[in-house]
Amino acid sequence: NVRQGDRFSVGPGYATAMYYARQNGE
């Protein structure tokens, strides 16, 4: 249940919220 303006991150379930890249050189 989220509202406009809430922030979220997507990443490995066993790791961290600081995921940042899926592309080489990113």
mmCIF file of all heavy atoms, coordinates in Angstrom:
data_MODEL
# 
_entry.id   MODEL 
# 
loop_
_atom_site.group_PDB 
_atom_site.id 
_atom_site.type_symbol 
_atom_site.label_atom_id 
_atom_site.label_alt_id 
_atom_site.label_comp_id 
_atom_site.label_asym_id 
_atom_site.label_entity_id 
_atom_site.label_seq_id 
_atom_site.pdbx_PDB_ins_code 
_atom_site.Cartn_x 
_atom_site.Cartn_y 
_atom_site.Cartn_z 
_atom_site.occupancy 
_atom_site.B_iso_or_equiv 
_atom_site.pdbx_formal_charge 
_atom_site.auth_seq_id 
_atom_site.auth_comp_id 
_atom_site.auth_asym_id 
_atom_site.auth_atom_id 
_atom_site.pdbx_PDB_model_num 
ATOM 1   N N   . ASN A 1 1  ? 0.859  -1.181  0.000   1.00 0.00 ? 1  ASN A N   1 
ATOM 2   C CA  . ASN A 1 1  ? 0.000  0.000   0.000   1.00 0.00 ? 1  ASN A CA  1 
ATOM 3   C C   . ASN A 1 1  ? 0.898  1.234   0.000   1.00 0.00 ? 1  ASN A C   1 
ATOM 4   O O   . ASN A 1 1  ? 1.483  1.596   1.015   1.00 0.00 ? 1  ASN A O   1 
ATOM 5   C CB  . ASN A 1 1  ? -0.910 0.001   1.228   1.00 0.00 ? 1  ASN A CB  1 
ATOM 6   C CG  . ASN A 1 1  ? -1.823 1.216   1.263   1.00 0.00 ? 1  ASN A CG  1 
ATOM 7   O OD1 . ASN A 1 1  ? -2.067 1.844   0.227   1.00 0.00 ? 1  ASN A OD1 1 
ATOM 8   N ND2 . ASN A 1 1  ? -2.302 1.556   2.440   1.00 0.00 ? 1  ASN A ND2 1 
ATOM 9   N N   . VAL A 1 2  ? 1.043  1.862   -1.159  1.00 0.00 ? 2  VAL A N   1 
ATOM 10  C CA  . VAL A 1 2  ? 1.911  3.026   -1.278  1.00 0.00 ? 2  VAL A CA  1 
ATOM 11  C C   . VAL A 1 2  ? 1.115  4.215   -1.778  1.00 0.00 ? 2  VAL A C   1 
ATOM 12  O O   . VAL A 1 2  ? 0.027  4.055   -2.364  1.00 0.00 ? 2  VAL A O   1 
ATOM 13  C CB  . VAL A 1 2  ? 3.109  2.759   -2.223  1.00 0.00 ? 2  VAL A CB  1 
ATOM 14  C CG1 . VAL A 1 2  ? 3.958  1.630   -1.688  1.00 0.00 ? 2  VAL A CG1 1 
ATOM 15  C CG2 . VAL A 1 2  ? 2.624  2.440   -3.628  1.00 0.00 ? 2  VAL A CG2 1 
ATOM 16  N N   . ARG A 1 3  ? 1.655  5.400   -1.563  1.00 0.00 ? 3  ARG A N   1 
ATOM 17  C CA  . ARG A 1 3  ? 1.007  6.620   -1.998  1.00 0.00 ? 3  ARG A CA  1 
ATOM 18  C C   . ARG A 1 3  ? 1.943  7.415   -2.889  1.00 0.00 ? 3  ARG A C   1 
ATOM 19  O O   . ARG A 1 3  ? 3.151  7.198   -2.900  1.00 0.00 ? 3  ARG A O   1 
ATOM 20  C CB  . ARG A 1 3  ? 0.598  7.464   -0.794  1.00 0.00 ? 3  ARG A CB  1 
ATOM 21  C CG  . ARG A 1 3  ? -0.433 6.789   0.112   1.00 0.00 ? 3  ARG A CG  1 
ATOM 22  C CD  . ARG A 1 3  ? -0.793 7.679   1.285   1.00 0.00 ? 3  ARG A CD  1 
ATOM 23  N NE  . ARG A 1 3  ? -1.809 7.057   2.135   1.00 0.00 ? 3  ARG A NE  1 
ATOM 24  C CZ  . ARG A 1 3  ? -2.303 7.618   3.227   1.00 0.00 ? 3  ARG A CZ  1 
ATOM 25  N NH1 . ARG A 1 3  ? -1.874 8.830   3.597   1.00 0.00 ? 3  ARG A NH1 1 
ATOM 26  N NH2 . ARG A 1 3  ? -3.215 6.992   3.942   1.00 0.00 ? 3  ARG A NH2 1 
ATOM 27  N N   . GLN A 1 4  ? 1.359  8.369   -3.596  1.00 0.00 ? 4  GLN A N   1 
ATOM 28  C CA  . GLN A 1 4  ? 2.166  9.212   -4.467  1.00 0.00 ? 4  GLN A CA  1 
ATOM 29  C C   . GLN A 1 4  ? 3.225  9.930   -3.648  1.00 0.00 ? 4  GLN A C   1 
ATOM 30  O O   . GLN A 1 4  ? 2.948  10.487  -2.589  1.00 0.00 ? 4  GLN A O   1 
ATOM 31  C CB  . GLN A 1 4  ? 1.282  10.229  -5.180  1.00 0.00 ? 4  GLN A CB  1 
ATOM 32  C CG  . GLN A 1 4  ? 2.044  11.060  -6.204  1.00 0.00 ? 4  GLN A CG  1 
ATOM 33  C CD  . GLN A 1 4  ? 1.114  11.968  -6.998  1.00 0.00 ? 4  GLN A CD  1 
ATOM 34  O OE1 . GLN A 1 4  ? -0.091 11.968  -6.784  1.00 0.00 ? 4  GLN A OE1 1 
ATOM 35  N NE2 . GLN A 1 4  ? 1.671  12.729  -7.926  1.00 0.00 ? 4  GLN A NE2 1 
ATOM 36  N N   . GLY A 1 5  ? 4.447  9.891   -4.136  1.00 0.00 ? 5  GLY A N   1 
ATOM 37  C CA  . GLY A 1 5  ? 5.554  10.525  -3.428  1.00 0.00 ? 5  GLY A CA  1 
ATOM 38  C C   . GLY A 1 5  ? 6.380  9.566   -2.600  1.00 0.00 ? 5  GLY A C   1 
ATOM 39  O O   . GLY A 1 5  ? 7.493  9.903   -2.179  1.00 0.00 ? 5  GLY A O   1 
ATOM 40  N N   . ASP A 1 6  ? 5.837  8.362   -2.314  1.00 0.00 ? 6  ASP A N   1 
ATOM 41  C CA  . ASP A 1 6  ? 6.633  7.348   -1.616  1.00 0.00 ? 6  ASP A CA  1 
ATOM 42  C C   . ASP A 1 6  ? 7.811  6.932   -2.495  1.00 0.00 ? 6  ASP A C   1 
ATOM 43  O O   . ASP A 1 6  ? 7.720  6.956   -3.725  1.00 0.00 ? 6  ASP A O   1 
ATOM 44  C CB  . ASP A 1 6  ? 5.780  6.121   -1.286  1.00 0.00 ? 6  ASP A CB  1 
ATOM 45  C CG  . ASP A 1 6  ? 4.755  6.403   -0.193  1.00 0.00 ? 6  ASP A CG  1 
ATOM 46  O OD1 . ASP A 1 6  ? 4.781  7.522   0.356   1.00 0.00 ? 6  ASP A OD1 1 
ATOM 47  O OD2 . ASP A 1 6  ? 3.946  5.504   0.090   1.00 0.00 ? 6  ASP A OD2 1 
ATOM 48  N N   . ARG A 1 7  ? 8.891  6.538   -1.838  1.00 0.00 ? 7  ARG A N   1 
ATOM 49  C CA  . ARG A 1 7  ? 10.064 6.107   -2.586  1.00 0.00 ? 7  ARG A CA  1 
ATOM 50  C C   . ARG A 1 7  ? 10.343 4.644   -2.324  1.00 0.00 ? 7  ARG A C   1 
ATOM 51  O O   . ARG A 1 7  ? 10.098 4.143   -1.230  1.00 0.00 ? 7  ARG A O   1 
ATOM 52  C CB  . ARG A 1 7  ? 11.283 6.955   -2.218  1.00 0.00 ? 7  ARG A CB  1 
ATOM 53  C CG  . ARG A 1 7  ? 11.140 8.410   -2.648  1.00 0.00 ? 7  ARG A CG  1 
ATOM 54  C CD  . ARG A 1 7  ? 12.478 9.095   -2.725  1.00 0.00 ? 7  ARG A CD  1 
ATOM 55  N NE  . ARG A 1 7  ? 12.354 10.444  -3.254  1.00 0.00 ? 7  ARG A NE  1 
ATOM 56  C CZ  . ARG A 1 7  ? 13.370 11.172  -3.688  1.00 0.00 ? 7  ARG A CZ  1 
ATOM 57  N NH1 . ARG A 1 7  ? 14.593 10.678  -3.636  1.00 0.00 ? 7  ARG A NH1 1 
ATOM 58  N NH2 . ARG A 1 7  ? 13.173 12.383  -4.163  1.00 0.00 ? 7  ARG A NH2 1 
ATOM 59  N N   . PHE A 1 8  ? 10.898 3.977   -3.333  1.00 0.00 ? 8  PHE A N   1 
ATOM 60  C CA  . PHE A 1 8  ? 11.185 2.550   -3.200  1.00 0.00 ? 8  PHE A CA  1 
ATOM 61  C C   . PHE A 1 8  ? 12.430 2.210   -4.004  1.00 0.00 ? 8  PHE A C   1 
ATOM 62  O O   . PHE A 1 8  ? 12.923 3.009   -4.803  1.00 0.00 ? 8  PHE A O   1 
ATOM 63  C CB  . PHE A 1 8  ? 9.998  1.713   -3.692  1.00 0.00 ? 8  PHE A CB  1 
ATOM 64  C CG  . PHE A 1 8  ? 9.733  1.841   -5.168  1.00 0.00 ? 8  PHE A CG  1 
ATOM 65  C CD1 . PHE A 1 8  ? 10.277 0.944   -6.068  1.00 0.00 ? 8  PHE A CD1 1 
ATOM 66  C CD2 . PHE A 1 8  ? 8.929  2.866   -5.665  1.00 0.00 ? 8  PHE A CD2 1 
ATOM 67  C CE1 . PHE A 1 8  ? 10.039 1.065   -7.421  1.00 0.00 ? 8  PHE A CE1 1 
ATOM 68  C CE2 . PHE A 1 8  ? 8.683  3.003   -7.018  1.00 0.00 ? 8  PHE A CE2 1 
ATOM 69  C CZ  . PHE A 1 8  ? 9.247  2.097   -7.901  1.00 0.00 ? 8  PHE A CZ  1 
ATOM 70  N N   . SER A 1 9  ? 12.948 1.016   -3.765  1.00 0.00 ? 9  SER A N   1 
ATOM 71  C CA  . SER A 1 9  ? 14.085 0.532   -4.550  1.00 0.00 ? 9  SER A CA  1 
ATOM 72  C C   . SER A 1 9  ? 13.826 -0.913  -4.919  1.00 0.00 ? 9  SER A C   1 
ATOM 73  O O   . SER A 1 9  ? 13.051 -1.620  -4.266  1.00 0.00 ? 9  SER A O   1 
ATOM 74  C CB  . SER A 1 9  ? 15.397 0.645   -3.756  1.00 0.00 ? 9  SER A CB  1 
ATOM 75  O OG  . SER A 1 9  ? 15.353 -0.213  -2.640  1.00 0.00 ? 9  SER A OG  1 
ATOM 76  N N   . VAL A 1 10 ? 14.477 -1.350  -5.977  1.00 0.00 ? 10 VAL A N   1 
ATOM 77  C CA  . VAL A 1 10 ? 14.330 -2.716  -6.455  1.00 0.00 ? 10 VAL A CA  1 
ATOM 78  C C   . VAL A 1 10 ? 15.712 -3.341  -6.533  1.00 0.00 ? 10 VAL A C   1 
ATOM 79  O O   . VAL A 1 10 ? 16.652 -2.744  -7.067  1.00 0.00 ? 10 VAL A O   1 
ATOM 80  C CB  . VAL A 1 10 ? 13.663 -2.758  -7.848  1.00 0.00 ? 10 VAL A CB  1 
ATOM 81  C CG1 . VAL A 1 10 ? 13.610 -4.184  -8.379  1.00 0.00 ? 10 VAL A CG1 1 
ATOM 82  C CG2 . VAL A 1 10 ? 12.272 -2.154  -7.781  1.00 0.00 ? 10 VAL A CG2 1 
ATOM 83  N N   . GLY A 1 11 ? 15.861 -4.526  -5.977  1.00 0.00 ? 11 GLY A N   1 
ATOM 84  C CA  . GLY A 1 11 ? 17.160 -5.174  -6.004  1.00 0.00 ? 11 GLY A CA  1 
ATOM 85  C C   . GLY A 1 11 ? 17.111 -6.601  -5.516  1.00 0.00 ? 11 GLY A C   1 
ATOM 86  O O   . GLY A 1 11 ? 16.027 -7.130  -5.232  1.00 0.00 ? 11 GLY A O   1 
ATOM 87  N N   . PRO A 1 12 ? 18.269 -7.252  -5.404  1.00 0.00 ? 12 PRO A N   1 
ATOM 88  C CA  . PRO A 1 12 ? 18.319 -8.643  -4.944  1.00 0.00 ? 12 PRO A CA  1 
ATOM 89  C C   . PRO A 1 12 ? 17.652 -8.790  -3.585  1.00 0.00 ? 12 PRO A C   1 
ATOM 90  O O   . PRO A 1 12 ? 17.853 -7.982  -2.684  1.00 0.00 ? 12 PRO A O   1 
ATOM 91  C CB  . PRO A 1 12 ? 19.817 -8.932  -4.871  1.00 0.00 ? 12 PRO A CB  1 
ATOM 92  C CG  . PRO A 1 12 ? 20.429 -7.965  -5.830  1.00 0.00 ? 12 PRO A CG  1 
ATOM 93  C CD  . PRO A 1 12 ? 19.591 -6.730  -5.742  1.00 0.00 ? 12 PRO A CD  1 
ATOM 94  N N   . GLY A 1 13 ? 16.884 -9.829  -3.422  1.00 0.00 ? 13 GLY A N   1 
ATOM 95  C CA  . GLY A 1 13 ? 16.109 -10.004 -2.211  1.00 0.00 ? 13 GLY A CA  1 
ATOM 96  C C   . GLY A 1 13 ? 16.933 -10.285 -0.979  1.00 0.00 ? 13 GLY A C   1 
ATOM 97  O O   . GLY A 1 13 ? 16.470 -10.112 0.140   1.00 0.00 ? 13 GLY A O   1 
ATOM 98  N N   . TYR A 1 14 ? 18.178 -10.735 -1.149  1.00 0.00 ? 14 TYR A N   1 
ATOM 99  C CA  . TYR A 1 14 ? 19.000 -11.104 -0.009  1.00 0.00 ? 14 TYR A CA  1 
ATOM 100 C C   . TYR A 1 14 ? 20.088 -10.077 0.253   1.00 0.00 ? 14 TYR A C   1 
ATOM 101 O O   . TYR A 1 14 ? 20.971 -10.300 1.054   1.00 0.00 ? 14 TYR A O   1 
ATOM 102 C CB  . TYR A 1 14 ? 19.653 -12.464 -0.278  1.00 0.00 ? 14 TYR A CB  1 
ATOM 103 C CG  . TYR A 1 14 ? 20.208 -12.583 -1.679  1.00 0.00 ? 14 TYR A CG  1 
ATOM 104 C CD1 . TYR A 1 14 ? 21.423 -11.994 -2.023  1.00 0.00 ? 14 TYR A CD1 1 
ATOM 105 C CD2 . TYR A 1 14 ? 19.488 -13.235 -2.664  1.00 0.00 ? 14 TYR A CD2 1 
ATOM 106 C CE1 . TYR A 1 14 ? 21.897 -12.074 -3.307  1.00 0.00 ? 14 TYR A CE1 1 
ATOM 107 C CE2 . TYR A 1 14 ? 19.976 -13.316 -3.952  1.00 0.00 ? 14 TYR A CE2 1 
ATOM 108 C CZ  . TYR A 1 14 ? 21.185 -12.742 -4.276  1.00 0.00 ? 14 TYR A CZ  1 
ATOM 109 O OH  . TYR A 1 14 ? 21.650 -12.805 -5.551  1.00 0.00 ? 14 TYR A OH  1 
ATOM 110 N N   . ALA A 1 15 ? 20.045 -8.978  -0.461  1.00 0.00 ? 15 ALA A N   1 
ATOM 111 C CA  . ALA A 1 15 ? 21.172 -8.058  -0.376  1.00 0.00 ? 15 ALA A CA  1 
ATOM 112 C C   . ALA A 1 15 ? 20.771 -6.711  0.202   1.00 0.00 ? 15 ALA A C   1 
ATOM 113 O O   . ALA A 1 15 ? 20.538 -6.587  1.385   1.00 0.00 ? 15 ALA A O   1 
ATOM 114 C CB  . ALA A 1 15 ? 21.822 -7.885  -1.753  1.00 0.00 ? 15 ALA A CB  1 
ATOM 115 N N   . THR A 1 16 ? 20.623 -5.718  -0.616  1.00 0.00 ? 16 THR A N   1 
ATOM 116 C CA  . THR A 1 16 ? 20.531 -4.361  -0.133  1.00 0.00 ? 16 THR A CA  1 
ATOM 117 C C   . THR A 1 16 ? 19.643 -3.512  -1.012  1.00 0.00 ? 16 THR A C   1 
ATOM 118 O O   . THR A 1 16 ? 19.364 -3.847  -2.161  1.00 0.00 ? 16 THR A O   1 
ATOM 119 C CB  . THR A 1 16 ? 21.937 -3.736  -0.095  1.00 0.00 ? 16 THR A CB  1 
ATOM 120 O OG1 . THR A 1 16 ? 21.801 -2.354  0.244   1.00 0.00 ? 16 THR A OG1 1 
ATOM 121 C CG2 . THR A 1 16 ? 22.609 -3.809  -1.442  1.00 0.00 ? 16 THR A CG2 1 
ATOM 122 N N   . ALA A 1 17 ? 19.261 -2.375  -0.453  1.00 0.00 ? 17 ALA A N   1 
ATOM 123 C CA  . ALA A 1 17 ? 18.470 -1.426  -1.241  1.00 0.00 ? 17 ALA A CA  1 
ATOM 124 C C   . ALA A 1 17 ? 19.327 -0.579  -2.163  1.00 0.00 ? 17 ALA A C   1 
ATOM 125 O O   . ALA A 1 17 ? 18.819 0.199   -2.950  1.00 0.00 ? 17 ALA A O   1 
ATOM 126 C CB  . ALA A 1 17 ? 17.697 -0.518  -0.298  1.00 0.00 ? 17 ALA A CB  1 
ATOM 127 N N   . MET A 1 18 ? 20.638 -0.706  -2.070  1.00 0.00 ? 18 MET A N   1 
ATOM 128 C CA  . MET A 1 18 ? 21.515 0.179   -2.827  1.00 0.00 ? 18 MET A CA  1 
ATOM 129 C C   . MET A 1 18 ? 21.872 -0.381  -4.203  1.00 0.00 ? 18 MET A C   1 
ATOM 130 O O   . MET A 1 18 ? 22.882 -0.016  -4.776  1.00 0.00 ? 18 MET A O   1 
ATOM 131 C CB  . MET A 1 18 ? 22.789 0.455   -2.020  1.00 0.00 ? 18 MET A CB  1 
ATOM 132 C CG  . MET A 1 18 ? 22.514 1.158   -0.707  1.00 0.00 ? 18 MET A CG  1 
ATOM 133 S SD  . MET A 1 18 ? 21.816 2.805   -0.914  1.00 0.00 ? 18 MET A SD  1 
ATOM 134 C CE  . MET A 1 18 ? 23.290 3.729   -1.315  1.00 0.00 ? 18 MET A CE  1 
ATOM 135 N N   . TYR A 1 19 ? 21.073 -1.312  -4.729  1.00 0.00 ? 19 TYR A N   1 
ATOM 136 C CA  . TYR A 1 19 ? 21.276 -1.806  -6.090  1.00 0.00 ? 19 TYR A CA  1 
ATOM 137 C C   . TYR A 1 19 ? 21.305 -0.635  -7.060  1.00 0.00 ? 19 TYR A C   1 
ATOM 138 O O   . TYR A 1 19 ? 20.570 0.324   -6.924  1.00 0.00 ? 19 TYR A O   1 
ATOM 139 C CB  . TYR A 1 19 ? 20.155 -2.784  -6.449  1.00 0.00 ? 19 TYR A CB  1 
ATOM 140 C CG  . TYR A 1 19 ? 19.718 -2.708  -7.884  1.00 0.00 ? 19 TYR A CG  1 
ATOM 141 C CD1 . TYR A 1 19 ? 20.459 -3.298  -8.889  1.00 0.00 ? 19 TYR A CD1 1 
ATOM 142 C CD2 . TYR A 1 19 ? 18.583 -2.010  -8.238  1.00 0.00 ? 19 TYR A CD2 1 
ATOM 143 C CE1 . TYR A 1 19 ? 20.076 -3.215  -10.206 1.00 0.00 ? 19 TYR A CE1 1 
ATOM 144 C CE2 . TYR A 1 19 ? 18.176 -1.918  -9.543  1.00 0.00 ? 19 TYR A CE2 1 
ATOM 145 C CZ  . TYR A 1 19 ? 18.929 -2.526  -10.530 1.00 0.00 ? 19 TYR A CZ  1 
ATOM 146 O OH  . TYR A 1 19 ? 18.536 -2.429  -11.840 1.00 0.00 ? 19 TYR A OH  1 
ATOM 147 N N   . TYR A 1 20 ? 22.161 -0.715  -8.082  1.00 0.00 ? 20 TYR A N   1 
ATOM 148 C CA  . TYR A 1 20 ? 22.193 0.432   -8.976  1.00 0.00 ? 20 TYR A CA  1 
ATOM 149 C C   . TYR A 1 20 ? 22.399 0.117   -10.445 1.00 0.00 ? 20 TYR A C   1 
ATOM 150 O O   . TYR A 1 20 ? 22.233 1.014   -11.276 1.00 0.00 ? 20 TYR A O   1 
ATOM 151 C CB  . TYR A 1 20 ? 23.279 1.420   -8.531  1.00 0.00 ? 20 TYR A CB  1 
ATOM 152 C CG  . TYR A 1 20 ? 24.708 1.006   -8.847  1.00 0.00 ? 20 TYR A CG  1 
ATOM 153 C CD1 . TYR A 1 20 ? 25.349 1.476   -9.981  1.00 0.00 ? 20 TYR A CD1 1 
ATOM 154 C CD2 . TYR A 1 20 ? 25.411 0.177   -8.000  1.00 0.00 ? 20 TYR A CD2 1 
ATOM 155 C CE1 . TYR A 1 20 ? 26.646 1.127   -10.254 1.00 0.00 ? 20 TYR A CE1 1 
ATOM 156 C CE2 . TYR A 1 20 ? 26.710 -0.179  -8.271  1.00 0.00 ? 20 TYR A CE2 1 
ATOM 157 C CZ  . TYR A 1 20 ? 27.330 0.299   -9.399  1.00 0.00 ? 20 TYR A CZ  1 
ATOM 158 O OH  . TYR A 1 20 ? 28.621 -0.060  -9.664  1.00 0.00 ? 20 TYR A OH  1 
ATOM 159 N N   . ALA A 1 21 ? 22.785 -1.079  -10.827 1.00 0.00 ? 21 ALA A N   1 
ATOM 160 C CA  . ALA A 1 21 ? 23.105 -1.261  -12.237 1.00 0.00 ? 21 ALA A CA  1 
ATOM 161 C C   . ALA A 1 21 ? 22.800 -2.671  -12.711 1.00 0.00 ? 21 ALA A C   1 
ATOM 162 O O   . ALA A 1 21 ? 22.960 -3.644  -11.973 1.00 0.00 ? 21 ALA A O   1 
ATOM 163 C CB  . ALA A 1 21 ? 24.578 -0.938  -12.496 1.00 0.00 ? 21 ALA A CB  1 
ATOM 164 N N   . ARG A 1 22 ? 22.350 -2.732  -13.979 1.00 0.00 ? 22 ARG A N   1 
ATOM 165 C CA  . ARG A 1 22 ? 22.193 -4.007  -14.681 1.00 0.00 ? 22 ARG A CA  1 
ATOM 166 C C   . ARG A 1 22 ? 22.945 -3.987  -16.008 1.00 0.00 ? 22 ARG A C   1 
ATOM 167 O O   . ARG A 1 22 ? 22.997 -5.000  -16.699 1.00 0.00 ? 22 ARG A O   1 
ATOM 168 C CB  . ARG A 1 22 ? 20.710 -4.263  -14.957 1.00 0.00 ? 22 ARG A CB  1 
ATOM 169 C CG  . ARG A 1 22 ? 19.911 -4.637  -13.736 1.00 0.00 ? 22 ARG A CG  1 
ATOM 170 C CD  . ARG A 1 22 ? 19.917 -6.130  -13.495 1.00 0.00 ? 22 ARG A CD  1 
ATOM 171 N NE  . ARG A 1 22 ? 19.143 -6.847  -14.493 1.00 0.00 ? 22 ARG A NE  1 
ATOM 172 C CZ  . ARG A 1 22 ? 18.928 -8.156  -14.458 1.00 0.00 ? 22 ARG A CZ  1 
ATOM 173 N NH1 . ARG A 1 22 ? 19.430 -8.876  -13.492 1.00 0.00 ? 22 ARG A NH1 1 
ATOM 174 N NH2 . ARG A 1 22 ? 18.224 -8.736  -15.395 1.00 0.00 ? 22 ARG A NH2 1 
ATOM 175 N N   . GLN A 1 23 ? 23.538 -2.852  -16.353 1.00 0.00 ? 23 GLN A N   1 
ATOM 176 C CA  . GLN A 1 23 ? 24.206 -2.705  -17.636 1.00 0.00 ? 23 GLN A CA  1 
ATOM 177 C C   . GLN A 1 23 ? 25.703 -2.469  -17.441 1.00 0.00 ? 23 GLN A C   1 
ATOM 178 O O   . GLN A 1 23 ? 26.109 -1.688  -16.569 1.00 0.00 ? 23 GLN A O   1 
ATOM 179 C CB  . GLN A 1 23 ? 23.608 -1.517  -18.412 1.00 0.00 ? 23 GLN A CB  1 
ATOM 180 C CG  . GLN A 1 23 ? 22.131 -1.661  -18.741 1.00 0.00 ? 23 GLN A CG  1 
ATOM 181 C CD  . GLN A 1 23 ? 21.889 -2.729  -19.787 1.00 0.00 ? 23 GLN A CD  1 
ATOM 182 O OE1 . GLN A 1 23 ? 22.726 -2.973  -20.646 1.00 0.00 ? 23 GLN A OE1 1 
ATOM 183 N NE2 . GLN A 1 23 ? 20.740 -3.370  -19.715 1.00 0.00 ? 23 GLN A NE2 1 
ATOM 184 N N   . ASN A 1 24 ? 26.535 -3.122  -18.233 1.00 0.00 ? 24 ASN A N   1 
ATOM 185 C CA  . ASN A 1 24 ? 27.968 -2.862  -18.188 1.00 0.00 ? 24 ASN A CA  1 
ATOM 186 C C   . ASN A 1 24 ? 28.257 -1.413  -18.542 1.00 0.00 ? 24 ASN A C   1 
ATOM 187 O O   . ASN A 1 24 ? 27.691 -0.860  -19.485 1.00 0.00 ? 24 ASN A O   1 
ATOM 188 C CB  . ASN A 1 24 ? 28.706 -3.780  -19.171 1.00 0.00 ? 24 ASN A CB  1 
ATOM 189 C CG  . ASN A 1 24 ? 28.761 -5.210  -18.696 1.00 0.00 ? 24 ASN A CG  1 
ATOM 190 O OD1 . ASN A 1 24 ? 28.856 -5.468  -17.503 1.00 0.00 ? 24 ASN A OD1 1 
ATOM 191 N ND2 . ASN A 1 24 ? 28.697 -6.157  -19.623 1.00 0.00 ? 24 ASN A ND2 1 
ATOM 192 N N   . GLY A 1 25 ? 29.116 -0.786  -17.758 1.00 0.00 ? 25 GLY A N   1 
ATOM 193 C CA  . GLY A 1 25 ? 29.473 0.597   -17.999 1.00 0.00 ? 25 GLY A CA  1 
ATOM 194 C C   . GLY A 1 25 ? 28.524 1.600   -17.398 1.00 0.00 ? 25 GLY A C   1 
ATOM 195 O O   . GLY A 1 25 ? 28.738 2.812   -17.519 1.00 0.00 ? 25 GLY A O   1 
ATOM 196 N N   . GLU A 1 26 ? 27.467 1.132   -16.736 1.00 0.00 ? 26 GLU A N   1 
ATOM 197 C CA  . GLU A 1 26 ? 26.513 2.055   -16.130 1.00 0.00 ? 26 GLU A CA  1 
ATOM 198 C C   . GLU A 1 26 ? 27.100 2.653   -14.854 1.00 0.00 ? 26 GLU A C   1 
ATOM 199 O O   . GLU A 1 26 ? 27.677 1.934   -14.031 1.00 0.00 ? 26 GLU A O   1 
ATOM 200 C CB  . GLU A 1 26 ? 25.207 1.334   -15.819 1.00 0.00 ? 26 GLU A CB  1 
ATOM 201 C CG  . GLU A 1 26 ? 24.100 2.248   -15.289 1.00 0.00 ? 26 GLU A CG  1 
ATOM 202 C CD  . GLU A 1 26 ? 22.786 1.524   -15.126 1.00 0.00 ? 26 GLU A CD  1 
ATOM 203 O OE1 . GLU A 1 26 ? 22.664 0.396   -15.662 1.00 0.00 ? 26 GLU A OE1 1 
ATOM 204 O OE2 . GLU A 1 26 ? 21.894 2.076   -14.471 1.00 0.00 ? 26 GLU A OE2 1 
# 
